[in-house]
C-alpha cells in the first residue's frame, strides 16, 4: 500500500503543470482520470458496472470534451430573459415536446417542471420510477417505450 492509502498517488505538480490555462472546474473534473465524474454517474438507483463508468470517464478526458460540457452549463447562466415576457401566452411553444425524467434525479428536481404547460402548448412529462438523472442507463426499456409512444402519437 502506498502513502495515499488505497487511492493511487498523483504527482500534483505534474498535473498542475498540465492544467496550466485550464479553468478550475475542468481541472477538478479531470483530476485523477475524471474520478469525480465516475462518482457522479454512479450516483443512481442501479450501480453501474466499471466498464460503463470508465467509458464515460474516458469520454470526458478527450481533448476539449470537459470544457465543452461545462460551457453548456456556463452559457445557461449568462443571460436571463425577461420572464414576464418570456412566460406570456404569446410566446408559448407550439411544437410537441417529450420530457423524460427519473423520479430520483438529484440534478433536475420535480419542481423545475412546475408550470411547463404555460410555455409548452403540446408537452408530455414522463416520470420514471427507480430512475436517476441517467434515464437511458437506469431504465432503457421504459425510456424507449416513452419515446416510441410519443412518436406514435405524432404519426
C-alpha atoms as a PDB file:
ATOM      1  CA  UNK A   1       0.000   0.000   0.000  1.00  0.00           C
ATOM      2  CA  UNK A   2       1.319   3.443  -0.886  1.00  0.00           C
ATOM      3  CA  UNK A   3       1.275   6.576   1.265  1.00  0.00           C
ATOM      4  CA  UNK A   4      -2.144   7.545  -0.115  1.00  0.00           C
ATOM      5  CA  UNK A   5      -3.886   4.512   1.366  1.00  0.00           C
ATOM      6  CA  UNK A   6      -5.977   2.685  -1.219  1.00  0.00           C
ATOM      7  CA  UNK A   7      -6.168   5.675  -3.592  1.00  0.00           C
ATOM      8  CA  UNK A   8      -3.478   5.981  -6.274  1.00  0.00           C
ATOM      9  CA  UNK A   9      -0.877   8.675  -5.589  1.00  0.00           C
ATOM     10  CA  UNK A  10      -0.825  11.530  -8.071  1.00  0.00           C
ATOM     11  CA  UNK A  11       2.071  13.926  -8.616  1.00  0.00           C
ATOM     12  CA  UNK A  12       0.134  17.164  -8.180  1.00  0.00           C
ATOM     13  CA  UNK A  13       2.928  19.339  -9.542  1.00  0.00           C
ATOM     14  CA  UNK A  14       2.838  17.403 -12.826  1.00  0.00           C
ATOM     15  CA  UNK A  15      -0.941  17.634 -13.016  1.00  0.00           C
ATOM     16  CA  UNK A  16      -0.901  21.334 -12.213  1.00  0.00           C
ATOM     17  CA  UNK A  17       1.671  21.870 -14.954  1.00  0.00           C
ATOM     18  CA  UNK A  18      -0.508  20.025 -17.459  1.00  0.00           C
ATOM     19  CA  UNK A  19      -3.543  22.047 -16.381  1.00  0.00           C
ATOM     20  CA  UNK A  20      -1.924  25.472 -16.849  1.00  0.00           C
ATOM     21  CA  UNK A  21      -4.510  27.657 -18.507  1.00  0.00           C
ATOM     22  CA  UNK A  22      -7.346  25.316 -17.595  1.00  0.00           C
ATOM     23  CA  UNK A  23     -10.186  26.629 -15.501  1.00  0.00           C
ATOM     24  CA  UNK A  24     -10.797  25.235 -12.039  1.00  0.00           C
ATOM     25  CA  UNK A  25     -13.928  23.179 -12.877  1.00  0.00           C
ATOM     26  CA  UNK A  26     -12.143  21.471 -15.771  1.00  0.00           C
ATOM     27  CA  UNK A  27      -9.167  20.739 -13.543  1.00  0.00           C
ATOM     28  CA  UNK A  28     -11.296  19.336 -10.716  1.00  0.00           C
ATOM     29  CA  UNK A  29     -13.464  17.209 -13.010  1.00  0.00           C
ATOM     30  CA  UNK A  30     -10.482  15.806 -14.927  1.00  0.00           C
ATOM     31  CA  UNK A  31      -8.285  15.259 -11.848  1.00  0.00           C
ATOM     32  CA  UNK A  32      -7.233  11.663 -11.232  1.00  0.00           C
ATOM     33  CA  UNK A  33      -8.597  10.446 -14.571  1.00  0.00           C
ATOM     34  CA  UNK A  34     -12.018  12.063 -14.041  1.00  0.00           C
ATOM     35  CA  UNK A  35     -12.559  10.254 -10.745  1.00  0.00           C
ATOM     36  CA  UNK A  36     -15.271  12.710  -9.647  1.00  0.00           C
ATOM     37  CA  UNK A  37     -17.145  12.083 -12.920  1.00  0.00           C
ATOM     38  CA  UNK A  38     -17.181   8.388 -12.050  1.00  0.00           C
ATOM     39  CA  UNK A  39     -18.753   9.258  -8.699  1.00  0.00           C
ATOM     40  CA  UNK A  40     -21.404  11.409 -10.352  1.00  0.00           C
ATOM     41  CA  UNK A  41     -22.510   8.828 -12.897  1.00  0.00           C
ATOM     42  CA  UNK A  42     -22.644   6.121 -10.251  1.00  0.00           C
ATOM     43  CA  UNK A  43     -24.974   8.145  -8.004  1.00  0.00           C
ATOM     44  CA  UNK A  44     -28.096   6.389  -9.163  1.00  0.00           C
ATOM     45  CA  UNK A  45     -30.644   3.729  -8.411  1.00  0.00           C
ATOM     46  CA  UNK A  46     -28.723   0.951 -10.100  1.00  0.00           C
ATOM     47  CA  UNK A  47     -24.975   0.566  -9.612  1.00  0.00           C
ATOM     48  CA  UNK A  48     -23.083   0.933 -12.866  1.00  0.00           C
ATOM     49  CA  UNK A  49     -20.564  -1.603 -13.989  1.00  0.00           C
ATOM     50  CA  UNK A  50     -16.941  -0.453 -14.123  1.00  0.00           C
ATOM     51  CA  UNK A  51     -16.784  -0.634 -17.941  1.00  0.00           C
ATOM     52  CA  UNK A  52     -19.682   1.814 -18.279  1.00  0.00           C
ATOM     53  CA  UNK A  53     -18.178   4.243 -15.760  1.00  0.00           C
ATOM     54  CA  UNK A  54     -14.731   4.074 -17.352  1.00  0.00           C
ATOM     55  CA  UNK A  55     -16.172   4.649 -20.820  1.00  0.00           C
ATOM     56  CA  UNK A  56     -17.954   7.759 -19.570  1.00  0.00           C
ATOM     57  CA  UNK A  57     -14.813   8.977 -17.783  1.00  0.00           C
ATOM     58  CA  UNK A  58     -12.666   8.346 -20.874  1.00  0.00           C
ATOM     59  CA  UNK A  59     -15.124  10.321 -22.999  1.00  0.00           C
ATOM     60  CA  UNK A  60     -14.807  13.336 -20.684  1.00  0.00           C
ATOM     61  CA  UNK A  61     -10.990  13.156 -20.818  1.00  0.00           C
ATOM     62  CA  UNK A  62     -10.839  13.666 -24.603  1.00  0.00           C
ATOM     63  CA  UNK A  63      -9.257  16.996 -25.588  1.00  0.00           C
ATOM     64  CA  UNK A  64     -11.826  19.778 -25.187  1.00  0.00           C
ATOM     65  CA  UNK A  65     -14.645  17.468 -24.049  1.00  0.00           C
ATOM     66  CA  UNK A  66     -14.852  18.611 -20.430  1.00  0.00           C
ATOM     67  CA  UNK A  67     -14.674  22.275 -21.424  1.00  0.00           C
ATOM     68  CA  UNK A  68     -17.478  21.793 -23.951  1.00  0.00           C
ATOM     69  CA  UNK A  69     -19.651  20.039 -21.384  1.00  0.00           C
ATOM     70  CA  UNK A  70     -19.065  22.714 -18.769  1.00  0.00           C
ATOM     71  CA  UNK A  71     -19.550  25.552 -21.281  1.00  0.00           C
ATOM     72  CA  UNK A  72     -23.096  24.301 -21.875  1.00  0.00           C
ATOM     73  CA  UNK A  73     -23.893  24.963 -18.202  1.00  0.00           C
ATOM     74  CA  UNK A  74     -21.923  28.202 -18.112  1.00  0.00           C
ATOM     75  CA  UNK A  75     -23.956  29.571 -21.022  1.00  0.00           C
ATOM     76  CA  UNK A  76     -27.218  28.808 -19.235  1.00  0.00           C
ATOM     77  CA  UNK A  77     -26.484  31.435 -16.603  1.00  0.00           C
ATOM     78  CA  UNK A  78     -25.078  34.153 -18.842  1.00  0.00           C
ATOM     79  CA  UNK A  79     -28.278  35.888 -19.850  1.00  0.00           C
ATOM     80  CA  UNK A  80     -31.703  35.578 -18.406  1.00  0.00           C
ATOM     81  CA  UNK A  81     -34.775  36.551 -20.430  1.00  0.00           C
ATOM     82  CA  UNK A  82     -37.363  38.889 -19.051  1.00  0.00           C
ATOM     83  CA  UNK A  83     -39.505  36.163 -17.535  1.00  0.00           C
ATOM     84  CA  UNK A  84     -42.692  38.252 -17.657  1.00  0.00           C
ATOM     85  CA  UNK A  85     -42.389  38.463 -21.457  1.00  0.00           C
ATOM     86  CA  UNK A  86     -40.943  35.008 -21.957  1.00  0.00           C
ATOM     87  CA  UNK A  87     -43.678  33.243 -19.999  1.00  0.00           C
ATOM     88  CA  UNK A  88     -46.537  35.009 -21.792  1.00  0.00           C
ATOM     89  CA  UNK A  89     -49.129  33.051 -23.754  1.00  0.00           C
ATOM     90  CA  UNK A  90     -47.981  34.730 -26.974  1.00  0.00           C
ATOM     91  CA  UNK A  91     -44.566  33.072 -26.580  1.00  0.00           C
ATOM     92  CA  UNK A  92     -45.908  29.593 -25.911  1.00  0.00           C
ATOM     93  CA  UNK A  93     -44.022  26.970 -27.933  1.00  0.00           C
ATOM     94  CA  UNK A  94     -46.375  25.054 -30.202  1.00  0.00           C
ATOM     95  CA  UNK A  95     -44.084  22.131 -31.083  1.00  0.00           C
ATOM     96  CA  UNK A  96     -44.657  18.752 -29.442  1.00  0.00           C
ATOM     97  CA  UNK A  97     -42.185  18.153 -26.617  1.00  0.00           C
ATOM     98  CA  UNK A  98     -41.431  14.997 -24.664  1.00  0.00           C
ATOM     99  CA  UNK A  99     -39.695  15.357 -21.310  1.00  0.00           C
ATOM    100  CA  UNK A 100     -38.463  12.230 -19.546  1.00  0.00           C
ATOM    101  CA  UNK A 101     -37.096  12.410 -16.017  1.00  0.00           C
ATOM    102  CA  UNK A 102     -36.180   9.959 -13.326  1.00  0.00           C
ATOM    103  CA  UNK A 103     -38.086  10.374 -10.075  1.00  0.00           C
ATOM    104  CA  UNK A 104     -34.795  10.027  -8.167  1.00  0.00           C
ATOM    105  CA  UNK A 105     -32.979  12.626 -10.297  1.00  0.00           C
ATOM    106  CA  UNK A 106     -30.873  14.768  -7.966  1.00  0.00           C
ATOM    107  CA  UNK A 107     -29.948  17.290 -10.682  1.00  0.00           C
ATOM    108  CA  UNK A 108     -33.327  18.114 -12.258  1.00  0.00           C
ATOM    109  CA  UNK A 109     -35.779  18.188  -9.376  1.00  0.00           C
ATOM    110  CA  UNK A 110     -39.508  17.818  -9.960  1.00  0.00           C
ATOM    111  CA  UNK A 111     -40.105  21.471  -9.124  1.00  0.00           C
ATOM    112  CA  UNK A 112     -38.209  22.519 -12.254  1.00  0.00           C
ATOM    113  CA  UNK A 113     -41.070  21.149 -14.326  1.00  0.00           C
ATOM    114  CA  UNK A 114     -43.838  23.017 -12.496  1.00  0.00           C
ATOM    115  CA  UNK A 115     -45.689  25.328 -14.861  1.00  0.00           C
ATOM    116  CA  UNK A 116     -44.233  23.931 -18.074  1.00  0.00           C
ATOM    117  CA  UNK A 117     -47.751  23.976 -19.531  1.00  0.00           C
ATOM    118  CA  UNK A 118     -47.563  27.782 -19.538  1.00  0.00           C
ATOM    119  CA  UNK A 119     -44.722  27.805 -22.072  1.00  0.00           C
ATOM    120  CA  UNK A 120     -45.201  24.480 -23.862  1.00  0.00           C
ATOM    121  CA  UNK A 121     -48.554  24.068 -25.603  1.00  0.00           C
ATOM    122  CA  UNK A 122     -48.083  20.400 -26.506  1.00  0.00           C
ATOM    123  CA  UNK A 123     -45.829  18.813 -23.883  1.00  0.00           C
ATOM    124  CA  UNK A 124     -45.759  15.486 -22.126  1.00  0.00           C
ATOM    125  CA  UNK A 125     -43.823  14.734 -18.970  1.00  0.00           C
ATOM    126  CA  UNK A 126     -42.958  11.111 -18.278  1.00  0.00           C
ATOM    127  CA  UNK A 127     -41.520  10.345 -14.834  1.00  0.00           C
ATOM    128  CA  UNK A 128     -39.805   7.002 -14.390  1.00  0.00           C
ATOM    129  CA  UNK A 129     -39.704   5.103 -11.088  1.00  0.00           C
ATOM    130  CA  UNK A 130     -36.390   3.744  -9.784  1.00  0.00           C
ATOM    131  CA  UNK A 131     -34.578   6.119 -12.110  1.00  0.00           C
ATOM    132  CA  UNK A 132     -31.968   8.824 -11.599  1.00  0.00           C
ATOM    133  CA  UNK A 133     -30.698  11.551 -13.946  1.00  0.00           C
ATOM    134  CA  UNK A 134     -29.369   8.834 -16.264  1.00  0.00           C
ATOM    135  CA  UNK A 135     -32.719   7.694 -17.686  1.00  0.00           C
ATOM    136  CA  UNK A 136     -31.307   5.664 -20.596  1.00  0.00           C
ATOM    137  CA  UNK A 137     -28.882   3.828 -18.308  1.00  0.00           C
ATOM    138  CA  UNK A 138     -31.335   3.244 -15.436  1.00  0.00           C
ATOM    139  CA  UNK A 139     -34.495   2.454 -17.395  1.00  0.00           C
ATOM    140  CA  UNK A 140     -33.626   1.848 -21.072  1.00  0.00           C
ATOM    141  CA  UNK A 141     -36.795  -0.106 -21.907  1.00  0.00           C
ATOM    142  CA  UNK A 142     -39.120   2.410 -20.226  1.00  0.00           C
ATOM    143  CA  UNK A 143     -37.293   5.327 -21.862  1.00  0.00           C
ATOM    144  CA  UNK A 144     -37.541   3.730 -25.314  1.00  0.00           C
ATOM    145  CA  UNK A 145     -41.201   2.918 -24.694  1.00  0.00           C
ATOM    146  CA  UNK A 146     -41.945   6.552 -23.780  1.00  0.00           C
ATOM    147  CA  UNK A 147     -40.179   7.798 -26.914  1.00  0.00           C
ATOM    148  CA  UNK A 148     -41.921   5.207 -29.107  1.00  0.00           C
ATOM    149  CA  UNK A 149     -45.329   6.107 -27.646  1.00  0.00           C
ATOM    150  CA  UNK A 150     -44.651   9.834 -28.174  1.00  0.00           C
ATOM    151  CA  UNK A 151     -43.602   9.321 -31.802  1.00  0.00           C
ATOM    152  CA  UNK A 152     -46.584   7.017 -32.464  1.00  0.00           C
ATOM    153  CA  UNK A 153     -48.945   9.719 -31.170  1.00  0.00           C
ATOM    154  CA  UNK A 154     -47.373  12.210 -33.576  1.00  0.00           C
ATOM    155  CA  UNK A 155     -47.771   9.953 -36.614  1.00  0.00           C
END
